[in-house]
Amino acid sequence: MIQSKLKVITDFDKLPTDIQEKIKLTYPEGFSDFLVEFKNRHSETVYALPYETEKKYYMVRMSVSKAMQLILDDDDYDDDGYLKDDKKDQFEDKHGEVEDFSMDKDYFV
């Protein structure tokens, strides 16, 4: 029997720290260019950042402006919106390397 992954819609700040760090490794150039649009249960258009683990498929709710603000407020990113090298190294040491989708914008299309 094939089991489907649990689908979770949540806010970035409600995610465990380790998932936040893995998301930063996946999107080292920020989040705003990778948001996907979908309809919620009320048929409202919402945006979210997709992130997949072995067991769960996350849709991290955020608008484009929220995505940009998260990066501006996060000390792990430099002034240009890129994940700092020392933070990237630290997160990779802790979690291993993850696939960086920032160069492949068609991944979620």
Protein backbone atom coordinates (compact mmCIF):
# COMPACT_ATOMS: atom_id res chain seq x y z
CA MET A 1 0.00 0.00 0.00
CA ILE A 2 1.36 3.41 -0.99
CA GLN A 3 1.03 6.03 1.70
CA SER A 4 0.82 9.65 0.70
CA LYS A 5 2.72 12.29 2.58
CA LEU A 6 1.03 14.35 5.24
CA LYS A 7 0.27 17.80 3.84
CA VAL A 8 0.86 20.66 6.26
CA ILE A 9 -0.06 24.31 5.73
CA THR A 10 1.58 26.52 8.33
CA ASP A 11 3.43 29.77 8.97
CA PHE A 12 7.22 29.97 8.89
CA ASP A 13 7.52 31.05 12.52
CA LYS A 14 5.48 28.02 13.65
CA LEU A 15 7.89 25.54 12.07
CA PRO A 16 10.53 23.79 14.19
CA THR A 17 13.96 25.43 13.97
CA ASP A 18 15.49 22.48 12.13
CA ILE A 19 12.85 22.72 9.37
CA GLN A 20 13.39 26.49 9.13
CA GLU A 21 17.13 25.90 8.71
CA LYS A 22 16.56 23.27 6.01
CA ILE A 23 14.25 25.65 4.18
CA LYS A 24 16.97 28.30 4.28
CA LEU A 25 19.40 25.80 2.76
CA THR A 26 16.88 24.95 0.05
CA TYR A 27 16.21 28.62 -0.72
CA PRO A 28 19.54 30.40 -0.04
CA GLU A 29 18.58 33.34 -2.25
CA GLY A 30 15.32 34.07 -0.45
CA PHE A 31 11.75 32.88 -0.72
CA SER A 32 9.74 35.39 -2.75
CA ASP A 33 10.64 34.03 -6.21
CA PHE A 34 9.50 30.53 -5.25
CA LEU A 35 6.04 31.14 -3.85
CA VAL A 36 3.21 29.17 -5.39
CA GLU A 37 -0.37 30.30 -5.66
CA PHE A 38 -3.30 28.11 -4.64
CA LYS A 39 -6.87 28.30 -3.38
CA ASN A 40 -7.55 27.64 0.29
CA ARG A 41 -10.66 25.88 1.58
CA HIS A 42 -12.57 29.18 1.32
CA SER A 43 -11.63 29.52 -2.37
CA GLU A 44 -9.37 32.46 -1.55
CA THR A 45 -6.09 32.84 -3.43
CA VAL A 46 -3.13 32.42 -1.10
CA TYR A 47 0.61 32.06 -1.56
CA ALA A 48 2.98 29.62 0.07
CA LEU A 49 6.53 28.38 -0.11
CA PRO A 50 6.66 24.64 -0.86
CA TYR A 51 9.01 22.42 1.12
CA GLU A 52 9.11 18.64 1.17
CA THR A 53 10.60 16.20 3.66
CA GLU A 54 10.53 12.40 3.64
CA LYS A 55 7.28 12.35 5.60
CA LYS A 56 5.61 15.71 5.02
CA TYR A 57 4.85 18.18 2.28
CA TYR A 58 4.79 21.71 3.71
CA MET A 59 3.12 24.75 2.24
CA VAL A 60 4.53 27.64 4.27
CA ARG A 61 2.02 30.49 4.09
CA MET A 62 3.43 33.87 3.16
CA SER A 63 2.81 36.74 0.81
CA VAL A 64 5.55 38.15 -1.39
CA SER A 65 5.98 41.09 1.00
CA LYS A 66 6.12 38.72 4.01
CA ALA A 67 8.71 36.57 2.23
CA MET A 68 10.87 39.62 1.58
CA GLN A 69 10.45 40.88 5.15
CA LEU A 70 11.43 37.50 6.61
CA ILE A 71 14.74 37.68 4.74
CA LEU A 72 15.36 41.33 5.67
CA ASP A 73 14.77 40.58 9.36
CA ASP A 74 16.81 37.36 9.43
CA ASP A 75 20.43 37.70 10.55
CA ASP A 76 21.25 34.49 8.66
CA TYR A 77 20.92 36.44 5.39
CA ASP A 78 23.21 39.23 4.20
CA ASP A 79 22.10 42.70 3.06
CA ASP A 80 21.63 41.39 -0.50
CA GLY A 81 19.23 38.66 0.65
CA TYR A 82 21.62 35.70 0.34
CA LEU A 83 22.19 33.09 3.02
CA LYS A 84 25.54 33.89 4.64
CA ASP A 85 28.30 31.39 3.87
CA ASP A 86 29.04 30.70 7.53
CA LYS A 87 25.35 29.98 8.21
CA LYS A 88 25.14 27.76 5.13
CA ASP A 89 28.17 25.80 6.33
CA GLN A 90 26.74 25.57 9.85
CA PHE A 91 23.36 24.31 8.61
CA GLU A 92 24.99 21.84 6.19
CA ASP A 93 27.15 20.47 9.01
CA LYS A 94 24.02 20.02 11.10
CA HIS A 95 21.57 18.75 8.45
CA GLY A 96 23.68 17.65 5.49
CA GLU A 97 23.44 19.19 2.06
CA VAL A 98 20.01 19.81 0.59
CA GLU A 99 19.03 20.53 -2.97
CA ASP A 100 19.08 24.24 -3.80
CA PHE A 101 16.10 25.12 -5.99
CA SER A 102 17.06 28.76 -6.40
CA MET A 103 18.73 28.02 -9.75
CA ASP A 104 15.82 25.93 -11.05
CA LYS A 105 12.73 28.11 -10.90
CA ASP A 106 10.70 25.65 -12.99
CA TYR A 107 10.92 22.97 -10.29
CA PHE A 108 7.47 23.70 -8.84
CA VAL A 109 5.68 24.56 -12.07
